[in-house]
Amino acid sequence: MKAMILAAGRGERMRPLTDDCPKPLLQVGGQRLIEYHLQQLASAGFHDIVINTARLGEQFPQYLGDGSRYGVRLHYSHEGTTALETAGGIIHALPLLDSETFLVVNGDIWTDYDYAKLPKTLKGLAHLVLVDNPVHHPDGDFQLTPELRVIDKPGLTFSGIGLYARELFSPFESQVKPLAPLLRAAMAQDAVTGEYYAGQWWDIGTPQRLQELHEYLIQTGEGA
């Protein structure tokens, strides 16, 4: 199964740090944020990884190369100077994601989630990992039912880790397109499963949160 790391966002709230560097390439705990993803994905058996890029996208192959030093093969999906948003980026990358099911991870999170624990097959169109609501997002996004179905009611926060069926995206052409409407439509069909993760998960949306993560990684010895 292939994996995709979403790395095309502009990172407006991270400015000025992202004026000259894409957010997933920012240093934290001794290495670049995206390198944690590559190492964890490789450990879980994901060895073909697609990275979507937009503005400053040329920096990713400059720093990461072909992925061989991380034990993976990297494929780059460049969207031009303007990002296509989450669903649009996935749709644009479908030719590189040549499987019926694939994993997508937000490039601006940090987590100790074990990707090897994800389901091997989907029971529907998507499987989402949900986490506790952070302070900056107190209402959350979706609810997880006792039957482990995800429904469109506030409750927990979507972690940015999802397993998706190609079928969810294949009807659409490459264009700017958010992910949430597609997920809500799938939820209306009872076609989204999920799980709750209580471990470490950080949304790196501001310089302050990046600094807090850096201090955590140094203190716990989990950095590079």
Protein backbone atom coordinates (compact mmCIF):
# COMPACT_ATOMS: atom_id res chain seq x y z
CA MET A 1 0.00 0.00 0.00
CA LYS A 2 1.25 3.48 -0.85
CA ALA A 3 1.19 6.48 1.43
CA MET A 4 0.92 10.19 0.72
CA ILE A 5 2.17 13.10 2.81
CA LEU A 6 0.31 16.36 2.30
CA ALA A 7 2.97 19.06 2.06
CA ALA A 8 1.60 21.68 -0.34
CA GLY A 9 -0.01 24.11 2.11
CA ARG A 10 1.19 27.71 2.29
CA GLY A 11 1.54 27.75 6.08
CA GLU A 12 0.22 31.30 6.52
CA ARG A 13 -0.03 31.05 10.33
CA MET A 14 3.60 29.93 10.50
CA ARG A 15 4.95 33.05 8.83
CA PRO A 16 7.62 34.32 8.76
CA LEU A 17 9.12 30.85 9.20
CA THR A 18 7.40 29.63 6.03
CA ASP A 19 8.29 32.62 3.86
CA ASP A 20 11.33 30.75 2.56
CA CYS A 21 10.71 27.19 3.76
CA PRO A 22 7.69 24.87 3.39
CA LYS A 23 6.19 24.01 6.77
CA PRO A 24 6.97 20.25 6.65
CA LEU A 25 10.65 21.10 6.09
CA LEU A 26 10.94 23.22 9.23
CA GLN A 27 13.43 21.94 11.81
CA VAL A 28 12.08 20.58 15.09
CA GLY A 29 13.84 18.38 17.63
CA GLY A 30 16.96 18.10 15.49
CA GLN A 31 15.50 17.22 12.10
CA ARG A 32 12.86 18.31 9.64
CA LEU A 33 9.24 17.66 10.54
CA ILE A 34 8.60 15.54 7.45
CA GLU A 35 11.53 13.28 8.29
CA TYR A 36 9.65 11.94 11.31
CA HIS A 37 6.85 10.90 8.97
CA LEU A 38 9.22 9.19 6.56
CA GLN A 39 10.90 7.24 9.34
CA GLN A 40 7.63 6.15 10.94
CA LEU A 41 6.06 5.17 7.63
CA ALA A 42 9.12 3.16 6.65
CA SER A 43 9.04 1.36 10.01
CA ALA A 44 5.40 0.46 9.42
CA GLY A 45 6.11 -1.00 5.98
CA PHE A 46 5.12 1.92 3.76
CA HIS A 47 7.97 2.17 1.29
CA ASP A 48 6.37 4.02 -1.63
CA ILE A 49 5.46 7.54 -0.55
CA VAL A 50 4.00 10.40 -2.56
CA ILE A 51 4.63 13.99 -1.42
CA ASN A 52 2.52 16.75 -2.94
CA THR A 53 4.12 20.17 -3.28
CA ALA A 54 3.24 23.67 -4.42
CA ARG A 55 5.03 26.93 -3.58
CA LEU A 56 8.74 26.29 -2.79
CA GLY A 57 8.12 22.69 -3.80
CA GLU A 58 11.57 22.35 -5.36
CA GLN A 59 13.01 22.27 -1.84
CA PHE A 60 11.57 18.83 -1.08
CA PRO A 61 13.65 16.82 -3.59
CA GLN A 62 16.64 19.04 -2.75
CA TYR A 63 16.49 18.01 0.92
CA LEU A 64 14.91 14.55 0.73
CA GLY A 65 16.20 13.23 -2.59
CA ASP A 66 14.69 9.97 -3.75
CA GLY A 67 14.03 8.80 -0.18
CA SER A 68 16.64 6.03 -0.21
CA ARG A 69 18.35 7.23 2.96
CA TYR A 70 15.03 6.78 4.78
CA GLY A 71 14.42 3.34 3.30
CA VAL A 72 11.59 4.56 1.04
CA ARG A 73 10.95 5.56 -2.57
CA LEU A 74 9.68 9.12 -2.88
CA HIS A 75 7.41 10.35 -5.67
CA TYR A 76 6.63 14.06 -6.00
CA SER A 77 3.29 15.46 -7.15
CA HIS A 78 3.79 19.14 -7.95
CA GLU A 79 0.65 21.29 -8.10
CA GLY A 80 2.18 24.53 -9.35
CA THR A 81 2.43 27.73 -7.33
CA THR A 82 -1.07 27.40 -5.84
CA ALA A 83 -2.03 24.38 -3.75
CA LEU A 84 -5.16 22.42 -4.70
CA GLU A 85 -6.30 21.88 -1.08
CA THR A 86 -6.49 18.42 0.45
CA ALA A 87 -8.87 16.52 -1.83
CA GLY A 88 -7.61 18.38 -4.90
CA GLY A 89 -4.05 17.42 -4.05
CA ILE A 90 -5.00 13.76 -3.61
CA ILE A 91 -6.93 13.74 -6.89
CA HIS A 92 -3.97 15.32 -8.69
CA ALA A 93 -1.69 12.60 -7.25
CA LEU A 94 -3.94 9.63 -8.13
CA PRO A 95 -1.74 8.55 -11.07
CA LEU A 96 1.09 8.06 -8.55
CA LEU A 97 -1.20 6.37 -6.01
CA ASP A 98 -1.78 3.33 -8.18
CA SER A 99 -3.67 1.21 -5.65
CA GLU A 100 -7.30 0.89 -4.60
CA THR A 101 -6.49 1.90 -1.01
CA PHE A 102 -3.86 4.30 0.27
CA LEU A 103 -2.83 6.18 3.40
CA VAL A 104 -2.75 9.98 3.58
CA VAL A 105 -1.03 11.90 6.39
CA ASN A 106 -0.95 15.65 6.98
CA GLY A 107 2.62 16.89 6.73
CA ASP A 108 2.14 19.47 9.50
CA ILE A 109 1.41 17.10 12.38
CA TRP A 110 3.67 15.13 14.71
CA THR A 111 2.50 11.90 16.31
CA ASP A 112 3.76 8.63 17.73
CA TYR A 113 0.86 6.76 16.14
CA ASP A 114 1.88 3.32 14.80
CA TYR A 115 0.77 3.20 11.16
CA ALA A 116 1.18 -0.57 11.14
CA LYS A 117 -2.00 -0.80 13.24
CA LEU A 118 -4.20 0.60 10.49
CA PRO A 119 -6.74 -1.80 8.96
CA LYS A 120 -5.43 -3.84 6.06
CA THR A 121 -8.73 -3.47 4.21
CA LEU A 122 -11.41 -0.80 4.23
CA LYS A 123 -15.02 -1.32 5.20
CA GLY A 124 -16.31 1.59 3.18
CA LEU A 125 -14.65 4.61 1.58
CA ALA A 126 -12.46 5.89 4.41
CA HIS A 127 -11.02 5.10 7.83
CA LEU A 128 -10.08 8.08 10.00
CA VAL A 129 -7.91 8.35 13.10
CA LEU A 130 -9.53 10.68 15.65
CA VAL A 131 -7.84 12.31 18.64
CA ASP A 132 -8.73 14.44 21.65
CA ASN A 133 -9.57 18.05 20.86
CA PRO A 134 -6.62 20.42 21.24
CA VAL A 135 -7.07 23.75 23.00
CA HIS A 136 -7.21 25.64 19.71
CA HIS A 137 -9.97 23.35 18.34
CA PRO A 138 -12.22 22.65 21.35
CA ASP A 139 -15.34 21.46 19.52
CA GLY A 140 -13.66 18.87 17.36
CA ASP A 141 -14.81 17.61 13.96
CA PHE A 142 -16.59 14.25 14.05
CA GLN A 143 -18.05 11.69 16.42
CA LEU A 144 -17.06 8.04 16.70
CA THR A 145 -19.98 5.70 17.38
CA PRO A 146 -19.73 2.54 19.53
CA GLU A 147 -19.76 0.60 16.24
CA LEU A 148 -16.62 2.54 15.20
CA ARG A 149 -18.42 4.51 12.50
CA VAL A 150 -17.58 8.17 12.02
CA ILE A 151 -20.54 10.55 11.86
CA ASP A 152 -20.83 14.23 11.02
CA LYS A 153 -21.25 15.64 14.50
CA PRO A 154 -18.67 17.53 16.61
CA GLY A 155 -16.89 15.35 19.14
CA LEU A 156 -13.29 14.39 18.44
CA THR A 157 -10.68 15.98 16.18
CA PHE A 158 -9.66 14.45 12.88
CA SER A 159 -5.93 13.81 13.22
CA GLY A 160 -5.07 14.24 9.56
CA ILE A 161 -4.37 10.50 9.30
CA GLY A 162 -6.74 8.67 6.98
CA LEU A 163 -6.96 5.49 4.94
CA TYR A 164 -8.91 6.10 1.74
CA ALA A 165 -10.48 4.18 -1.11
CA ARG A 166 -9.56 5.42 -4.56
CA GLU A 167 -13.29 5.40 -5.28
CA LEU A 168 -13.76 8.40 -2.96
CA PHE A 169 -11.71 10.62 -5.30
CA SER A 170 -11.77 9.02 -8.76
CA PRO A 171 -15.05 10.66 -9.96
CA PHE A 172 -13.46 14.13 -9.77
CA GLU A 173 -11.06 16.04 -11.99
CA SER A 174 -7.93 17.74 -10.68
CA GLN A 175 -8.99 21.11 -9.25
CA VAL A 176 -9.00 23.04 -5.99
CA LYS A 177 -11.15 20.89 -3.72
CA PRO A 178 -11.38 20.51 0.08
CA LEU A 179 -11.62 17.08 1.70
CA ALA A 180 -14.33 17.69 4.31
CA PRO A 181 -17.32 17.73 1.88
CA LEU A 182 -16.24 14.39 0.39
CA LEU A 183 -15.91 12.86 3.85
CA ARG A 184 -19.30 14.20 4.97
CA ALA A 185 -20.94 12.76 1.85
CA ALA A 186 -19.34 9.39 2.59
CA MET A 187 -20.50 9.60 6.23
CA ALA A 188 -24.04 10.16 4.98
CA GLN A 189 -23.70 6.78 3.24
CA ASP A 190 -22.39 5.17 6.46
CA ALA A 191 -19.15 4.54 4.58
CA VAL A 192 -16.56 5.92 7.02
CA THR A 193 -15.03 3.92 9.85
CA GLY A 194 -12.68 5.24 12.48
CA GLU A 195 -10.61 4.75 15.59
CA TYR A 196 -9.66 6.83 18.60
CA TYR A 197 -5.99 7.40 19.38
CA ALA A 198 -5.02 8.59 22.87
CA GLY A 199 -1.28 8.92 22.29
CA GLN A 200 0.87 11.87 21.33
CA TRP A 201 -0.49 14.04 18.53
CA TRP A 202 0.51 17.61 17.76
CA ASP A 203 -0.96 19.99 15.19
CA ILE A 204 1.95 22.24 14.20
CA GLY A 205 0.01 25.27 13.05
CA THR A 206 1.88 28.17 14.66
CA PRO A 207 5.47 29.04 15.60
CA GLN A 208 4.51 28.66 19.27
CA ARG A 209 3.31 25.09 18.76
CA LEU A 210 6.45 24.31 16.77
CA GLN A 211 8.56 25.54 19.69
CA GLU A 212 6.48 23.56 22.19
CA LEU A 213 6.97 20.40 20.14
CA HIS A 214 10.70 21.10 19.90
CA GLU A 215 10.95 21.38 23.68
CA TYR A 216 8.91 18.16 24.13
CA LEU A 217 11.13 16.21 21.71
CA ILE A 218 14.31 17.42 23.40
CA GLN A 219 13.01 16.72 26.91
CA THR A 220 11.76 13.23 26.06
CA GLY A 221 14.70 12.27 23.88
CA GLU A 222 12.41 11.56 20.93
CA GLY A 223 14.16 14.07 18.67
CA ALA A 224 16.98 13.28 16.31
